[in-house]
Amino acid sequence: MKLAPRRIGARSRRVARWVGVMAGAVGLISATPGVGNATGRTTAAVAATVTYTTTTNWGYGLQAEVTITPSATVTQWTLEFDAADQQTLTFAAYAGSTQTGRHVTLTNRSFNGTISAGSTLHLAVQFTNPASTDVPPPRFVFNGQATAYTPSPYIVVSADKPTVPESGSSTVSVKLSQPPTTNSVITVGSGSAAPIQATPAQLTFTPTDWDVPQTITLTSPRDADTTNQTTYIWLQQQSGRPFYATDVLFATQLDDSNTTVTPQAVTAYPTCRVQALTYNPGFTVTVTIVNTTAAPVSGWTIRFTLPTAATVSTTFNGVLTRDGTVGTITPQPWNTTIRAGGQTYPGFTGSAAPFTPPSAFTLDGRPCTAV
C-alpha cells in the first residue's frame, strides 16, 4: 500500500526553519575559538557582588562599609583587596583580618560563614590614612574568584597636603572620579584655624564637566607667630547623585619668619605626634614619628600609660607589649630604621570600661605632642 505524502503546514515549516537557524548558530559558536564556553566562564568567574563605601573620613583615617552578595550559597569565605598607598587596617567589624603590605584579607567569623545566594552581608573596616587619600580599592576577590564591583565615586584633588606661604596663596585643583547623574555641589570648608582660608565656598560639577578641574585658592594672611601651622579643609558633597566620598586637605602655612629661627627639619632628636580618636568605649591611637634629624635613626621606643581597664585589640606598624599600666611599642623589622626626613606610623586600637583612653606618650623618653 502506497502512503500519500504528508503535507507540511506553515507552522511546521516555521519550526523547521527555527531549528535550522539554531543549529547553525550552535555550529557557529562551536567553530569560534574561545566563544563556546564564554558564558559559562563569565557566570563562574563572578562569585559575588561587592560594594565599598567610605562612610567617615577624618583625613588621617577613615571608615568604610563593605557588602558581599554571593552568587551561590557559601559556608565559608575570604575577601581580598589592596588598600590605597600607606593605608593600614586597624579594625574590621564582623570579620577576621590580616594585612601584608597593601594586601588585605578578610575572613568569616564563626557566626557568619554561611551566606545564602543573593543575601547580603555587611562589614565595616577602618584604616589609618597618613597620605589622606580617599581612593577606593580597585578590585575585590571573593573565595579566590573575581567579583562584580564598581569603585565608588570620590573627589579627586591635585594635592592632599598643599603648602601656602605666609602673606601669599596657592591653588589646588578639584574634579570628580566619575560623572554625576545630577549636578553635584561640593562645599569647601574655610579651614579649621585662622592661618589659611579657602575660596570659593562651593564647587558645582555637572554630568558634562565633571572631569574639568576647578580651582580652590588657599590664602594665608600674616600672623604674629613664627611657626608653621596646619589647617584642615573639608571637601564635602552637599547635593547631587551619586554619593562622593568626603576628602580632607591638610594645608600647611609656611611661616615667613622661619628664616630667622632654627629650621624644624634639623633637630637633635626625632619628633612624634599622637592622634587619639575616641568613641566610647573604643579608641584608635596613631603615633607619627618623624625623623627630623640629619641622619638615619636606628631603633625607637614608644611608651605610654595604658589603664588597667583598657584592652588592646589590634596593633599596626609596631609590636605592643604591656607591663601593668605601662604600654610599649617597638618597631617591626621593616621600620626599625627611619631615614632622615622619613616617617613611620605605629598605633593600635582597643577599648576601656570604664572609659579611660591611653595617655602620656613618649618617644625614647621625650614627650610626644597631642594633635
Protein backbone atom coordinates (compact mmCIF):
# COMPACT_ATOMS: atom_id res chain seq x y z
CA MET A 1 0.00 0.00 0.00
CA LYS A 2 1.48 3.32 -1.01
CA LEU A 3 1.23 6.13 1.52
CA ALA A 4 0.37 9.61 0.32
CA PRO A 5 2.98 12.29 1.03
CA ARG A 6 2.23 14.24 4.20
CA ARG A 7 1.62 17.96 3.76
CA ILE A 8 3.78 20.22 5.83
CA GLY A 9 1.78 23.11 7.17
CA ALA A 10 3.02 26.67 7.71
CA ARG A 11 3.58 26.10 11.42
CA SER A 12 5.71 23.03 10.75
CA ARG A 13 7.78 24.94 8.21
CA ARG A 14 8.39 27.76 10.77
CA VAL A 15 9.52 25.25 13.39
CA ALA A 16 11.83 23.61 10.87
CA ARG A 17 13.37 26.95 9.92
CA TRP A 18 13.84 27.90 13.65
CA VAL A 19 15.57 24.59 14.36
CA GLY A 20 17.79 25.11 11.36
CA VAL A 21 18.74 28.61 12.45
CA MET A 22 19.54 27.46 15.99
CA ALA A 23 21.60 24.57 14.68
CA GLY A 24 23.54 26.99 12.52
CA ALA A 25 24.07 29.29 15.46
CA VAL A 26 25.36 26.43 17.61
CA GLY A 27 27.69 25.41 14.82
CA LEU A 28 28.97 28.99 14.52
CA ILE A 29 29.59 29.29 18.25
CA SER A 30 31.33 25.92 18.38
CA ALA A 31 33.52 26.90 15.45
CA THR A 32 34.57 30.19 17.05
CA PRO A 33 37.68 29.68 19.21
CA GLY A 34 37.18 30.64 22.84
CA VAL A 35 33.48 31.57 22.49
CA GLY A 36 31.79 28.26 23.18
CA ASN A 37 32.43 28.47 26.99
CA ALA A 38 32.40 32.24 27.34
CA THR A 39 29.01 32.42 29.06
CA GLY A 40 29.92 29.61 31.43
CA ARG A 41 33.21 31.23 32.32
CA THR A 42 31.59 34.63 33.00
CA THR A 43 28.95 33.12 35.28
CA ALA A 44 31.51 31.07 37.20
CA ALA A 45 34.02 33.93 37.42
CA VAL A 46 31.66 36.38 39.15
CA ALA A 47 31.47 34.78 42.58
CA ALA A 48 29.80 37.75 44.29
CA THR A 49 28.80 41.36 44.03
CA VAL A 50 30.84 43.62 46.33
CA THR A 51 30.44 47.28 47.30
CA TYR A 52 32.84 49.53 49.21
CA THR A 53 31.62 52.91 50.51
CA THR A 54 33.63 55.36 52.62
CA THR A 55 31.30 56.41 55.46
CA THR A 56 33.66 58.59 57.55
CA ASN A 57 36.90 60.34 56.62
CA TRP A 58 38.85 62.39 59.17
CA GLY A 59 41.92 62.85 56.98
CA TYR A 60 44.46 60.67 58.74
CA GLY A 61 41.93 57.83 59.00
CA LEU A 62 38.70 56.54 57.50
CA GLN A 63 35.93 54.02 57.93
CA ALA A 64 34.15 52.20 55.12
CA GLU A 65 31.22 49.81 54.73
CA VAL A 66 31.79 46.66 52.68
CA THR A 67 28.92 44.46 51.44
CA ILE A 68 29.12 40.97 49.95
CA THR A 69 26.28 39.37 47.96
CA PRO A 70 27.37 35.90 46.75
CA SER A 71 26.06 34.38 43.53
CA ALA A 72 25.79 30.95 45.18
CA THR A 73 25.42 29.89 48.81
CA VAL A 74 28.76 29.64 50.64
CA THR A 75 29.60 28.16 54.03
CA GLN A 76 32.88 30.00 54.49
CA TRP A 77 34.52 32.92 52.74
CA THR A 78 37.53 35.15 52.24
CA LEU A 79 37.53 38.61 50.70
CA GLU A 80 40.79 40.08 49.39
CA PHE A 81 41.71 43.54 48.13
CA ASP A 82 44.57 46.05 48.02
CA ALA A 83 44.28 49.15 50.20
CA ALA A 84 45.48 52.54 48.98
CA ASP A 85 49.10 53.56 49.47
CA GLN A 86 50.13 53.85 53.16
CA GLN A 87 46.69 52.82 54.47
CA THR A 88 46.87 50.37 57.39
CA LEU A 89 43.87 48.34 58.53
CA THR A 90 43.23 48.93 62.23
CA PHE A 91 39.81 47.32 62.69
CA ALA A 92 37.35 45.03 60.89
CA ALA A 93 33.80 44.51 62.17
CA TYR A 94 32.26 41.05 61.72
CA ALA A 95 35.39 39.67 60.03
CA GLY A 96 38.84 38.35 60.81
CA SER A 97 41.59 40.37 59.14
CA THR A 98 45.24 40.32 58.09
CA GLN A 99 47.32 42.76 56.06
CA THR A 100 50.59 42.16 54.24
CA GLY A 101 51.92 45.30 52.63
CA ARG A 102 48.86 46.79 50.95
CA HIS A 103 47.09 43.42 50.56
CA VAL A 104 44.16 42.91 52.96
CA THR A 105 42.37 39.62 53.59
CA LEU A 106 39.05 39.44 55.45
CA THR A 107 37.69 36.08 56.63
CA ASN A 108 34.40 34.97 58.10
CA ARG A 109 33.71 34.69 61.80
CA SER A 110 32.18 31.54 63.27
CA PHE A 111 28.70 33.06 63.13
CA ASN A 112 28.66 34.43 59.56
CA GLY A 113 30.45 31.88 57.40
CA THR A 114 27.23 30.88 55.65
CA ILE A 115 25.76 33.41 53.23
CA SER A 116 22.81 32.35 51.12
CA ALA A 117 22.82 33.09 47.40
CA GLY A 118 21.50 36.62 46.87
CA SER A 119 21.72 37.56 50.56
CA THR A 120 23.93 40.49 51.59
CA LEU A 121 26.49 40.52 54.40
CA HIS A 122 27.53 43.92 55.80
CA LEU A 123 31.06 44.51 57.13
CA ALA A 124 32.95 47.60 58.31
CA VAL A 125 36.67 48.38 58.07
CA GLN A 126 38.82 51.17 59.50
CA PHE A 127 42.19 52.38 58.21
CA THR A 128 44.86 54.82 59.23
CA ASN A 129 45.36 57.09 56.24
CA PRO A 130 48.55 59.16 56.54
CA ALA A 131 48.53 60.01 52.81
CA SER A 132 44.99 61.42 53.21
CA THR A 133 43.70 59.62 50.12
CA ASP A 134 40.04 58.73 49.52
CA VAL A 135 40.72 56.39 46.56
CA PRO A 136 38.77 53.11 46.99
CA PRO A 137 40.26 49.66 46.29
CA PRO A 138 40.46 48.89 42.55
CA ARG A 139 39.05 45.33 42.78
CA PHE A 140 37.94 42.56 45.16
CA VAL A 141 38.43 38.78 45.09
CA PHE A 142 35.88 36.52 46.84
CA ASN A 143 36.89 32.94 47.64
CA GLY A 144 39.64 33.18 45.04
CA GLN A 145 37.33 34.40 42.25
CA ALA A 146 36.65 37.75 40.63
CA THR A 147 33.67 39.81 41.75
CA ALA A 148 31.23 42.26 40.24
CA TYR A 149 32.49 45.51 41.71
CA THR A 150 32.47 49.16 40.67
CA PRO A 151 34.74 51.54 42.64
CA SER A 152 32.63 54.13 44.46
CA PRO A 153 32.90 57.76 43.29
CA TYR A 154 35.28 60.12 45.06
CA ILE A 155 36.65 63.65 44.91
CA VAL A 156 39.98 63.99 43.08
CA VAL A 157 42.43 66.69 44.22
CA SER A 158 45.82 67.69 42.84
CA ALA A 159 47.37 67.83 46.34
CA ASP A 160 46.09 66.43 49.65
CA LYS A 161 48.77 68.27 51.65
CA PRO A 162 49.30 71.66 49.98
CA THR A 163 51.57 74.36 51.40
CA VAL A 164 50.78 78.07 51.47
CA PRO A 165 53.39 80.82 52.02
CA GLU A 166 52.53 83.31 54.74
CA SER A 167 51.12 86.50 53.14
CA GLY A 168 50.72 84.52 49.92
CA SER A 169 48.49 81.97 48.22
CA SER A 170 48.50 78.65 46.38
CA THR A 171 45.93 76.63 44.45
CA VAL A 172 44.52 73.11 44.44
CA SER A 173 42.57 71.70 41.50
CA VAL A 174 39.47 69.57 42.11
CA LYS A 175 37.43 67.24 39.90
CA LEU A 176 35.31 64.08 40.26
CA SER A 177 36.32 60.48 39.57
CA GLN A 178 33.03 59.63 37.82
CA PRO A 179 30.27 61.66 36.15
CA PRO A 180 27.30 62.54 38.36
CA THR A 181 23.74 61.82 37.24
CA THR A 182 22.65 65.26 38.51
CA ASN A 183 24.58 68.42 39.32
CA SER A 184 26.81 67.80 42.35
CA VAL A 185 27.68 70.63 44.72
CA ILE A 186 30.88 70.26 46.77
CA THR A 187 31.24 72.57 49.77
CA VAL A 188 34.72 73.86 50.61
CA GLY A 189 35.50 74.34 54.29
CA SER A 190 37.05 77.63 55.35
CA GLY A 191 39.72 75.89 57.42
CA SER A 192 39.85 74.64 61.00
CA ALA A 193 42.10 77.53 62.08
CA ALA A 194 42.75 81.11 61.06
CA PRO A 195 46.11 80.79 59.25
CA ILE A 196 44.61 79.56 55.95
CA GLN A 197 41.36 80.39 54.20
CA ALA A 198 39.87 78.66 51.14
CA THR A 199 37.74 80.11 48.34
CA PRO A 200 35.24 79.69 46.74
CA ALA A 201 32.83 78.29 49.30
CA GLN A 202 31.48 75.67 46.89
CA LEU A 203 32.11 74.00 43.54
CA THR A 204 29.43 72.70 41.16
CA PHE A 205 30.09 69.80 38.78
CA THR A 206 27.65 68.74 36.06
CA PRO A 207 27.28 65.48 34.11
CA THR A 208 29.25 67.10 31.27
CA ASP A 209 32.10 68.90 33.07
CA TRP A 210 32.77 66.53 36.00
CA ASP A 211 36.36 65.86 34.81
CA VAL A 212 37.25 69.52 34.14
CA PRO A 213 39.43 70.68 37.08
CA GLN A 214 38.10 73.58 39.14
CA THR A 215 40.37 75.68 41.32
CA ILE A 216 40.41 76.28 45.07
CA THR A 217 42.58 79.22 46.16
CA LEU A 218 44.25 78.99 49.56
CA THR A 219 45.44 82.24 51.17
CA SER A 220 47.43 82.80 54.33
CA PRO A 221 47.46 86.28 55.95
CA ARG A 222 50.44 87.33 58.01
CA ASP A 223 50.27 86.48 61.71
CA ALA A 224 52.40 87.22 64.76
CA ASP A 225 53.80 83.75 65.43
CA THR A 226 56.98 82.26 63.98
CA THR A 227 55.85 78.68 63.39
CA ASN A 228 54.31 76.73 60.54
CA GLN A 229 50.65 75.87 61.13
CA THR A 230 48.38 73.26 59.56
CA THR A 231 44.63 73.57 58.99
CA TYR A 232 42.01 71.02 57.92
CA ILE A 233 39.89 71.93 54.90
CA TRP A 234 36.93 69.62 54.25
CA LEU A 235 35.53 68.93 50.79
CA GLN A 236 32.03 67.52 51.26
CA GLN A 237 29.18 66.80 48.87
CA GLN A 238 26.16 68.97 49.65
CA SER A 239 23.79 67.73 46.94
CA GLY A 240 23.64 65.57 43.82
CA ARG A 241 23.89 61.91 42.92
CA PRO A 242 25.69 59.58 43.30
CA PHE A 243 27.41 59.99 46.67
CA TYR A 244 31.07 61.12 46.53
CA ALA A 245 33.33 60.31 49.48
CA THR A 246 34.49 63.29 51.55
CA ASP A 247 38.07 64.46 51.08
CA VAL A 248 40.25 66.41 53.52
CA LEU A 249 43.06 68.82 52.67
CA PHE A 250 45.85 69.29 55.22
CA ALA A 251 47.08 72.76 54.25
CA THR A 252 50.25 73.99 55.93
CA GLN A 253 51.21 77.64 56.31
CA LEU A 254 54.91 78.22 55.61
CA ASP A 255 55.73 80.96 58.09
CA ASP A 256 57.98 83.65 56.62
CA SER A 257 59.73 84.11 59.98
CA ASN A 258 61.30 80.66 59.83
CA THR A 259 64.38 82.08 58.14
CA THR A 260 65.40 83.61 61.45
CA VAL A 261 64.82 80.57 63.66
CA THR A 262 66.24 77.07 63.77
CA PRO A 263 64.71 75.08 60.88
CA GLN A 264 62.31 72.42 62.08
CA ALA A 265 63.77 69.93 59.58
CA VAL A 266 67.02 69.56 61.59
CA THR A 267 66.72 68.73 65.29
CA ALA A 268 68.77 66.76 67.77
CA TYR A 269 66.11 64.08 68.17
CA PRO A 270 63.17 62.68 66.17
CA THR A 271 59.75 64.10 66.99
CA CYS A 272 56.41 62.40 67.50
CA ARG A 273 52.73 63.37 67.31
CA VAL A 274 49.86 61.39 68.80
CA GLN A 275 46.34 61.34 67.39
CA ALA A 276 43.84 59.61 69.69
CA LEU A 277 40.36 59.02 68.26
CA THR A 278 37.87 58.08 70.98
CA TYR A 279 34.43 56.52 70.51
CA ASN A 280 33.41 55.30 73.97
CA PRO A 281 34.28 52.58 74.87
CA GLY A 282 36.70 52.29 71.91
CA PHE A 283 39.77 54.20 70.80
CA THR A 284 42.27 54.30 67.95
CA VAL A 285 45.73 55.74 68.60
CA THR A 286 48.14 56.66 65.79
CA VAL A 287 51.66 57.86 66.59
CA THR A 288 53.51 59.72 63.85
CA ILE A 289 57.29 59.50 64.30
CA VAL A 290 59.21 61.99 62.14
CA ASN A 291 62.97 61.75 61.86
CA THR A 292 63.77 65.45 61.87
CA THR A 293 67.49 64.80 62.40
CA ALA A 294 70.12 64.90 59.67
CA ALA A 295 70.93 61.18 59.86
CA PRO A 296 69.03 57.85 59.85
CA VAL A 297 67.62 56.69 63.18
CA SER A 298 68.00 53.01 64.04
CA GLY A 299 65.58 51.76 66.68
CA TRP A 300 62.89 53.63 68.60
CA THR A 301 60.56 53.03 71.55
CA ILE A 302 57.13 54.50 72.33
CA ARG A 303 55.92 54.27 75.93
CA PHE A 304 52.59 55.37 77.35
CA THR A 305 50.11 54.89 80.17
CA LEU A 306 47.72 52.01 79.44
CA PRO A 307 44.97 51.96 82.09
CA THR A 308 44.22 48.69 83.83
CA ALA A 309 40.70 48.66 82.37
CA ALA A 310 41.99 49.10 78.80
CA THR A 311 42.47 46.21 76.40
CA VAL A 312 44.24 46.34 73.03
CA SER A 313 42.65 44.51 70.11
CA THR A 314 44.93 45.29 67.16
CA THR A 315 48.39 46.80 66.67
CA PHE A 316 49.83 48.18 63.45
CA ASN A 317 53.33 49.19 62.31
CA GLY A 318 54.88 48.06 65.57
CA VAL A 319 54.96 45.44 68.36
CA LEU A 320 52.99 46.31 71.51
CA THR A 321 53.64 44.86 74.96
CA ARG A 322 52.37 45.87 78.36
CA ASP A 323 53.69 45.67 81.90
CA GLY A 324 50.93 46.63 84.33
CA THR A 325 49.81 50.09 83.26
CA VAL A 326 52.82 50.76 81.04
CA GLY A 327 52.43 50.12 77.31
CA THR A 328 55.42 49.86 74.99
CA ILE A 329 55.61 49.87 71.19
CA THR A 330 58.80 48.81 69.44
CA PRO A 331 59.39 48.63 65.67
CA GLN A 332 58.79 45.87 63.19
CA PRO A 333 61.90 44.72 61.27
CA TRP A 334 60.90 46.80 58.24
CA ASN A 335 60.54 50.13 60.10
CA THR A 336 63.33 49.82 62.67
CA THR A 337 65.41 52.33 60.71
CA ILE A 338 63.87 55.68 59.72
CA ARG A 339 65.79 57.67 57.11
CA ALA A 340 66.48 61.37 57.63
CA GLY A 341 63.22 63.18 56.91
CA GLY A 342 61.31 59.88 56.94
CA GLN A 343 58.23 58.93 58.94
CA THR A 344 56.51 55.86 60.35
CA TYR A 345 53.04 55.43 61.86
CA PRO A 346 52.72 52.86 64.67
CA GLY A 347 49.48 52.59 66.63
CA PHE A 348 46.73 50.41 68.00
CA THR A 349 43.01 50.07 68.66
CA GLY A 350 41.26 48.97 71.81
CA SER A 351 38.59 49.71 74.38
CA ALA A 352 38.23 50.52 78.06
CA ALA A 353 35.38 50.18 80.55
CA PRO A 354 35.14 52.41 82.49
CA PHE A 355 36.35 54.56 79.62
CA THR A 356 39.89 55.84 80.16
CA PRO A 357 41.97 56.06 76.97
CA PRO A 358 45.78 55.69 76.88
CA SER A 359 47.82 58.82 77.60
CA ALA A 360 51.27 60.31 78.36
CA PHE A 361 53.06 59.12 75.20
CA THR A 362 56.84 59.45 74.91
CA LEU A 363 59.36 58.67 72.17
CA ASP A 364 62.64 57.41 73.60
CA GLY A 365 61.78 59.17 76.88
CA ARG A 366 60.78 62.52 75.33
CA PRO A 367 57.14 63.68 75.37
CA CYS A 368 55.03 63.41 72.21
CA THR A 369 52.72 66.18 71.05
CA ALA A 370 48.95 65.52 71.03
CA VAL A 371 47.12 66.55 67.84
